Full PDB file with SEQRES, HELIX, SHEET, SSBOND, CRYST1, ORIGX, SCALE, CONECT and MASTER records, all heavy atoms in Angstrom:
SEQRES   1 A   27  ARG THR ARG SER GLY MET GLN ASN SER GLN HIS ARG SER          
SEQRES   2 A   27  ALA GLY ARG ILE VAL ASP LEU ILE HIS GLY VAL LEU GLY          
SEQRES   3 A   27  LEU                                                          
HELIX    1 AA1 THR A    2  LEU A   25  1                                  24    
CRYST1    1.000    1.000    1.000  90.00  90.00  90.00 P 1           1          
ORIGX1      1.000000  0.000000  0.000000        0.00000                         
ORIGX2      0.000000  1.000000  0.000000        0.00000                         
ORIGX3      0.000000  0.000000  1.000000        0.00000                         
SCALE1      1.000000  0.000000  0.000000        0.00000                         
SCALE2      0.000000  1.000000  0.000000        0.00000                         
SCALE3      0.000000  0.000000  1.000000        0.00000                         
ATOM      1  N   ARG A   1      10.261  46.151  85.330  1.00  0.00           N  
ATOM      2  CA  ARG A   1      10.162  44.733  85.658  1.00  0.00           C  
ATOM      3  C   ARG A   1      11.385  44.264  86.428  1.00  0.00           C  
ATOM      4  O   ARG A   1      11.283  43.460  87.356  1.00  0.00           O  
ATOM      5  CB  ARG A   1       9.995  43.928  84.373  1.00  0.00           C  
ATOM      6  CG  ARG A   1       8.626  44.086  83.725  1.00  0.00           C  
ATOM      7  CD  ARG A   1       8.582  43.403  82.382  1.00  0.00           C  
ATOM      8  NE  ARG A   1       7.238  43.471  81.790  1.00  0.00           N  
ATOM      9  CZ  ARG A   1       6.963  43.110  80.546  1.00  0.00           C  
ATOM     10  NH1 ARG A   1       7.940  42.659  79.761  1.00  0.00           N  
ATOM     11  NH2 ARG A   1       5.727  43.195  80.084  1.00  0.00           N  
ATOM     12  N   THR A   2      12.559  44.767  86.021  1.00  0.00           N  
ATOM     13  CA  THR A   2      13.790  44.393  86.717  1.00  0.00           C  
ATOM     14  C   THR A   2      13.763  44.858  88.159  1.00  0.00           C  
ATOM     15  O   THR A   2      14.084  44.111  89.085  1.00  0.00           O  
ATOM     16  CB  THR A   2      15.015  44.991  85.998  1.00  0.00           C  
ATOM     17  OG1 THR A   2      15.043  44.507  84.658  1.00  0.00           O  
ATOM     18  CG2 THR A   2      16.305  44.604  86.699  1.00  0.00           C  
ATOM     19  N   ARG A   3      13.355  46.131  88.369  1.00  0.00           N  
ATOM     20  CA  ARG A   3      13.265  46.658  89.732  1.00  0.00           C  
ATOM     21  C   ARG A   3      12.269  45.864  90.552  1.00  0.00           C  
ATOM     22  O   ARG A   3      12.506  45.547  91.714  1.00  0.00           O  
ATOM     23  CB  ARG A   3      12.877  48.145  89.705  1.00  0.00           C  
ATOM     24  CG  ARG A   3      13.997  49.075  89.253  1.00  0.00           C  
ATOM     25  CD  ARG A   3      13.649  50.512  89.587  1.00  0.00           C  
ATOM     26  NE  ARG A   3      12.427  50.949  88.930  1.00  0.00           N  
ATOM     27  CZ  ARG A   3      12.382  51.503  87.723  1.00  0.00           C  
ATOM     28  NH1 ARG A   3      13.497  51.666  87.033  1.00  0.00           N  
ATOM     29  NH2 ARG A   3      11.238  51.891  87.190  1.00  0.00           N  
ATOM     30  N   SER A   4      11.117  45.531  89.928  1.00  0.00           N  
ATOM     31  CA  SER A   4      10.094  44.762  90.655  1.00  0.00           C  
ATOM     32  C   SER A   4      10.628  43.398  91.043  1.00  0.00           C  
ATOM     33  O   SER A   4      10.420  42.929  92.172  1.00  0.00           O  
ATOM     34  CB  SER A   4       8.846  44.613  89.787  1.00  0.00           C  
ATOM     35  OG  SER A   4       7.871  43.834  90.434  1.00  0.00           O  
ATOM     36  N   GLY A   5      11.357  42.747  90.113  1.00  0.00           N  
ATOM     37  CA  GLY A   5      11.937  41.448  90.424  1.00  0.00           C  
ATOM     38  C   GLY A   5      12.955  41.522  91.531  1.00  0.00           C  
ATOM     39  O   GLY A   5      12.990  40.666  92.425  1.00  0.00           O  
ATOM     40  N   MET A   6      13.792  42.563  91.502  1.00  0.00           N  
ATOM     41  CA  MET A   6      14.789  42.745  92.555  1.00  0.00           C  
ATOM     42  C   MET A   6      14.119  42.990  93.890  1.00  0.00           C  
ATOM     43  O   MET A   6      14.543  42.446  94.919  1.00  0.00           O  
ATOM     44  CB  MET A   6      15.712  43.911  92.196  1.00  0.00           C  
ATOM     45  CG  MET A   6      16.640  43.633  91.027  1.00  0.00           C  
ATOM     46  SD  MET A   6      17.610  45.088  90.575  1.00  0.00           S  
ATOM     47  CE  MET A   6      18.537  45.351  92.084  1.00  0.00           C  
ATOM     48  N   GLN A   7      13.051  43.806  93.896  1.00  0.00           N  
ATOM     49  CA  GLN A   7      12.353  44.091  95.147  1.00  0.00           C  
ATOM     50  C   GLN A   7      11.718  42.823  95.713  1.00  0.00           C  
ATOM     51  O   GLN A   7      11.780  42.567  96.916  1.00  0.00           O  
ATOM     52  CB  GLN A   7      11.303  45.177  94.912  1.00  0.00           C  
ATOM     53  CG  GLN A   7      11.902  46.561  94.667  1.00  0.00           C  
ATOM     54  CD  GLN A   7      10.857  47.567  94.232  1.00  0.00           C  
ATOM     55  OE1 GLN A   7       9.721  47.221  93.942  1.00  0.00           O  
ATOM     56  NE2 GLN A   7      11.242  48.831  94.186  1.00  0.00           N  
ATOM     57  N   ASN A   8      11.086  42.016  94.833  1.00  0.00           N  
ATOM     58  CA  ASN A   8      10.476  40.776  95.307  1.00  0.00           C  
ATOM     59  C   ASN A   8      11.535  39.834  95.866  1.00  0.00           C  
ATOM     60  O   ASN A   8      11.324  39.189  96.909  1.00  0.00           O  
ATOM     61  CB  ASN A   8       9.716  40.104  94.165  1.00  0.00           C  
ATOM     62  CG  ASN A   8       8.453  40.851  93.779  1.00  0.00           C  
ATOM     63  OD1 ASN A   8       7.911  41.591  94.594  1.00  0.00           O  
ATOM     64  ND2 ASN A   8       7.996  40.674  92.556  1.00  0.00           N  
ATOM     65  N   SER A   9      12.672  39.746  95.176  1.00  0.00           N  
ATOM     66  CA  SER A   9      13.755  38.893  95.651  1.00  0.00           C  
ATOM     67  C   SER A   9      14.274  39.375  96.998  1.00  0.00           C  
ATOM     68  O   SER A   9      14.530  38.568  97.902  1.00  0.00           O  
ATOM     69  CB  SER A   9      14.893  38.872  94.624  1.00  0.00           C  
ATOM     70  OG  SER A   9      15.989  38.139  95.104  1.00  0.00           O  
ATOM     71  N   GLN A  10      14.429  40.691  97.138  1.00  0.00           N  
ATOM     72  CA  GLN A  10      14.915  41.239  98.402  1.00  0.00           C  
ATOM     73  C   GLN A  10      13.921  40.992  99.526  1.00  0.00           C  
ATOM     74  O   GLN A  10      14.326  40.700 100.651  1.00  0.00           O  
ATOM     75  CB  GLN A  10      15.197  42.732  98.256  1.00  0.00           C  
ATOM     76  CG  GLN A  10      16.490  43.037  97.528  1.00  0.00           C  
ATOM     77  CD  GLN A  10      16.978  44.448  97.792  1.00  0.00           C  
ATOM     78  OE1 GLN A  10      16.219  45.317  98.204  1.00  0.00           O  
ATOM     79  NE2 GLN A  10      18.247  44.679  97.549  1.00  0.00           N  
ATOM     80  N   HIS A  11      12.624  41.105  99.241  1.00  0.00           N  
ATOM     81  CA  HIS A  11      11.644  40.867 100.293  1.00  0.00           C  
ATOM     82  C   HIS A  11      11.631  39.405 100.711  1.00  0.00           C  
ATOM     83  O   HIS A  11      11.449  39.097 101.887  1.00  0.00           O  
ATOM     84  CB  HIS A  11      10.255  41.333  99.839  1.00  0.00           C  
ATOM     85  CG  HIS A  11      10.005  42.788 100.060  1.00  0.00           C  
ATOM     86  ND1 HIS A  11      10.500  43.759  99.221  1.00  0.00           N  
ATOM     87  CD2 HIS A  11       9.354  43.448 101.047  1.00  0.00           C  
ATOM     88  CE1 HIS A  11      10.144  44.951  99.668  1.00  0.00           C  
ATOM     89  NE2 HIS A  11       9.445  44.794 100.773  1.00  0.00           N  
ATOM     90  N   ARG A  12      11.821  38.498  99.746  1.00  0.00           N  
ATOM     91  CA  ARG A  12      11.932  37.085 100.119  1.00  0.00           C  
ATOM     92  C   ARG A  12      13.158  36.856 100.986  1.00  0.00           C  
ATOM     93  O   ARG A  12      13.102  36.133 101.988  1.00  0.00           O  
ATOM     94  CB  ARG A  12      11.978  36.219  98.860  1.00  0.00           C  
ATOM     95  CG  ARG A  12      10.640  36.081  98.138  1.00  0.00           C  
ATOM     96  CD  ARG A  12      10.687  34.971  97.111  1.00  0.00           C  
ATOM     97  NE  ARG A  12      11.623  35.270  96.033  1.00  0.00           N  
ATOM     98  CZ  ARG A  12      11.305  35.917  94.925  1.00  0.00           C  
ATOM     99  NH1 ARG A  12      10.071  36.353  94.744  1.00  0.00           N  
ATOM    100  NH2 ARG A  12      12.211  36.125  93.983  1.00  0.00           N  
ATOM    101  N   SER A  13      14.269  37.480 100.614  1.00  0.00           N  
ATOM    102  CA  SER A  13      15.491  37.360 101.422  1.00  0.00           C  
ATOM    103  C   SER A  13      15.296  37.973 102.787  1.00  0.00           C  
ATOM    104  O   SER A  13      15.768  37.434 103.793  1.00  0.00           O  
ATOM    105  CB  SER A  13      16.661  38.035 100.703  1.00  0.00           C  
ATOM    106  OG  SER A  13      16.985  37.384  99.494  1.00  0.00           O  
ATOM    107  N   ALA A  14      14.577  39.106 102.849  1.00  0.00           N  
ATOM    108  CA  ALA A  14      14.336  39.767 104.131  1.00  0.00           C  
ATOM    109  C   ALA A  14      13.543  38.872 105.062  1.00  0.00           C  
ATOM    110  O   ALA A  14      13.855  38.749 106.254  1.00  0.00           O  
ATOM    111  CB  ALA A  14      13.606  41.088 103.912  1.00  0.00           C  
ATOM    112  N   GLY A  15      12.499  38.226 104.537  1.00  0.00           N  
ATOM    113  CA  GLY A  15      11.724  37.316 105.362  1.00  0.00           C  
ATOM    114  C   GLY A  15      12.549  36.150 105.859  1.00  0.00           C  
ATOM    115  O   GLY A  15      12.430  35.734 107.023  1.00  0.00           O  
ATOM    116  N   ARG A  16      13.412  35.632 104.993  1.00  0.00           N  
ATOM    117  CA  ARG A  16      14.271  34.520 105.401  1.00  0.00           C  
ATOM    118  C   ARG A  16      15.246  34.965 106.483  1.00  0.00           C  
ATOM    119  O   ARG A  16      15.494  34.238 107.454  1.00  0.00           O  
ATOM    120  CB  ARG A  16      15.031  33.997 104.185  1.00  0.00           C  
ATOM    121  CG  ARG A  16      15.893  32.769 104.482  1.00  0.00           C  
ATOM    122  CD  ARG A  16      16.631  32.327 103.244  1.00  0.00           C  
ATOM    123  NE  ARG A  16      17.496  31.182 103.518  1.00  0.00           N  
ATOM    124  CZ  ARG A  16      18.432  30.747 102.690  1.00  0.00           C  
ATOM    125  NH1 ARG A  16      18.614  31.344 101.524  1.00  0.00           N  
ATOM    126  NH2 ARG A  16      19.178  29.713 103.015  1.00  0.00           N  
ATOM    127  N   ILE A  17      15.793  36.173 106.318  1.00  0.00           N  
ATOM    128  CA  ILE A  17      16.741  36.686 107.312  1.00  0.00           C  
ATOM    129  C   ILE A  17      16.084  36.829 108.677  1.00  0.00           C  
ATOM    130  O   ILE A  17      16.644  36.437 109.703  1.00  0.00           O  
ATOM    131  CB  ILE A  17      17.325  38.036 106.837  1.00  0.00           C  
ATOM    132  CG1 ILE A  17      18.318  37.801 105.700  1.00  0.00           C  
ATOM    133  CG2 ILE A  17      18.001  38.778 107.995  1.00  0.00           C  
ATOM    134  CD1 ILE A  17      18.775  39.079 105.020  1.00  0.00           C  
ATOM    135  N   VAL A  18      14.879  37.388 108.711  1.00  0.00           N  
ATOM    136  CA  VAL A  18      14.169  37.556 109.986  1.00  0.00           C  
ATOM    137  C   VAL A  18      13.926  36.196 110.636  1.00  0.00           C  
ATOM    138  O   VAL A  18      14.144  36.023 111.848  1.00  0.00           O  
ATOM    139  CB  VAL A  18      12.850  38.312 109.770  1.00  0.00           C  
ATOM    140  CG1 VAL A  18      11.996  38.283 111.039  1.00  0.00           C  
ATOM    141  CG2 VAL A  18      13.120  39.757 109.360  1.00  0.00           C  
ATOM    142  N   ASP A  19      13.498  35.217 109.856  1.00  0.00           N  
ATOM    143  CA  ASP A  19      13.258  33.879 110.413  1.00  0.00           C  
ATOM    144  C   ASP A  19      14.549  33.273 110.967  1.00  0.00           C  
ATOM    145  O   ASP A  19      14.543  32.638 112.036  1.00  0.00           O  
ATOM    146  CB  ASP A  19      12.665  32.965 109.349  1.00  0.00           C  
ATOM    147  CG  ASP A  19      11.231  33.324 108.996  1.00  0.00           C  
ATOM    148  OD1 ASP A  19      10.590  34.035 109.798  1.00  0.00           O  
ATOM    149  OD2 ASP A  19      10.762  32.909 107.918  1.00  0.00           O  
ATOM    150  N   LEU A  20      15.658  33.447 110.251  1.00  0.00           N  
ATOM    151  CA  LEU A  20      16.930  32.893 110.698  1.00  0.00           C  
ATOM    152  C   LEU A  20      17.415  33.566 111.981  1.00  0.00           C  
ATOM    153  O   LEU A  20      17.954  32.906 112.879  1.00  0.00           O  
ATOM    154  CB  LEU A  20      17.981  33.029 109.593  1.00  0.00           C  
ATOM    155  CG  LEU A  20      17.822  32.096 108.392  1.00  0.00           C  
ATOM    156  CD1 LEU A  20      18.737  32.522 107.244  1.00  0.00           C  
ATOM    157  CD2 LEU A  20      18.104  30.647 108.791  1.00  0.00           C  
ATOM    158  N   ILE A  21      17.231  34.866 112.068  1.00  0.00           N  
ATOM    159  CA  ILE A  21      17.621  35.579 113.295  1.00  0.00           C  
ATOM    160  C   ILE A  21      16.799  35.076 114.475  1.00  0.00           C  
ATOM    161  O   ILE A  21      17.328  34.837 115.572  1.00  0.00           O  
ATOM    162  CB  ILE A  21      17.469  37.099 113.119  1.00  0.00           C  
ATOM    163  CG1 ILE A  21      18.485  37.622 112.093  1.00  0.00           C  
ATOM    164  CG2 ILE A  21      17.673  37.820 114.457  1.00  0.00           C  
ATOM    165  CD1 ILE A  21      18.294  39.075 111.733  1.00  0.00           C  
ATOM    166  N   HIS A  22      15.501  34.912 114.257  1.00  0.00           N  
ATOM    167  CA  HIS A  22      14.665  34.359 115.328  1.00  0.00           C  
ATOM    168  C   HIS A  22      15.129  32.961 115.704  1.00  0.00           C  
ATOM    169  O   HIS A  22      15.082  32.580 116.888  1.00  0.00           O  
ATOM    170  CB  HIS A  22      13.200  34.316 114.887  1.00  0.00           C  
ATOM    171  CG  HIS A  22      12.530  35.646 114.864  1.00  0.00           C  
ATOM    172  ND1 HIS A  22      12.684  36.587 115.852  1.00  0.00           N  
ATOM    173  CD2 HIS A  22      11.681  36.207 113.950  1.00  0.00           C  
ATOM    174  CE1 HIS A  22      11.958  37.666 115.564  1.00  0.00           C  
ATOM    175  NE2 HIS A  22      11.348  37.464 114.415  1.00  0.00           N  
ATOM    176  N   GLY A  23      15.590  32.187 114.738  1.00  0.00           N  
ATOM    177  CA  GLY A  23      16.077  30.854 115.034  1.00  0.00           C  
ATOM    178  C   GLY A  23      17.275  30.864 115.957  1.00  0.00           C  
ATOM    179  O   GLY A  23      17.428  29.998 116.828  1.00  0.00           O  
ATOM    180  N   VAL A  24      18.153  31.859 115.802  1.00  0.00           N  
ATOM    181  CA  VAL A  24      19.355  31.959 116.632  1.00  0.00           C  
ATOM    182  C   VAL A  24      19.051  32.623 117.974  1.00  0.00           C  
ATOM    183  O   VAL A  24      19.485  32.146 119.038  1.00  0.00           O  
ATOM    184  CB  VAL A  24      20.459  32.743 115.902  1.00  0.00           C  
ATOM    185  CG1 VAL A  24      21.685  32.936 116.804  1.00  0.00           C  
ATOM    186  CG2 VAL A  24      20.870  32.021 114.620  1.00  0.00           C  
ATOM    187  N   LEU A  25      18.305  33.720 117.947  1.00  0.00           N  
ATOM    188  CA  LEU A  25      18.122  34.547 119.144  1.00  0.00           C  
ATOM    189  C   LEU A  25      16.791  34.315 119.854  1.00  0.00           C  
ATOM    190  O   LEU A  25      16.602  34.793 120.971  1.00  0.00           O  
ATOM    191  CB  LEU A  25      18.251  36.032 118.775  1.00  0.00           C  
ATOM    192  CG  LEU A  25      19.576  36.447 118.137  1.00  0.00           C  
ATOM    193  CD1 LEU A  25      19.559  37.941 117.829  1.00  0.00           C  
ATOM    194  CD2 LEU A  25      20.752  36.104 119.046  1.00  0.00           C  
ATOM    195  N   GLY A  26      15.879  33.616 119.201  1.00  0.00           N  
ATOM    196  CA  GLY A  26      14.575  33.385 119.808  1.00  0.00           C  
ATOM    197  C   GLY A  26      13.550  34.392 119.311  1.00  0.00           C  
ATOM    198  O   GLY A  26      13.890  35.498 118.884  1.00  0.00           O  
ATOM    199  N   LEU A  27      12.295  33.981 119.354  1.00  0.00           N  
ATOM    200  CA  LEU A  27      11.192  34.834 118.939  1.00  0.00           C  
ATOM    201  C   LEU A  27      10.470  35.358 120.172  1.00  0.00           C  
ATOM    202  O   LEU A  27      10.040  34.584 121.024  1.00  0.00           O  
ATOM    203  CB  LEU A  27      10.215  34.046 118.060  1.00  0.00           C  
ATOM    204  CG  LEU A  27       8.912  34.747 117.673  1.00  0.00           C  
ATOM    205  CD1 LEU A  27       9.205  36.002 116.854  1.00  0.00           C  
ATOM    206  CD2 LEU A  27       8.004  33.793 116.900  1.00  0.00           C  
TER     207      LEU A  27                                                      
MASTER        0    0    0    1    0    0    0    6  206    1    0    3          
END                                                                             
């Protein structure tokens, strides 16, 4: 459960990071 929670948290962070990069550099 801990690993699953960490993975879900990381995937949410990953999606946010991609969106933020697109915000700076363009999509």
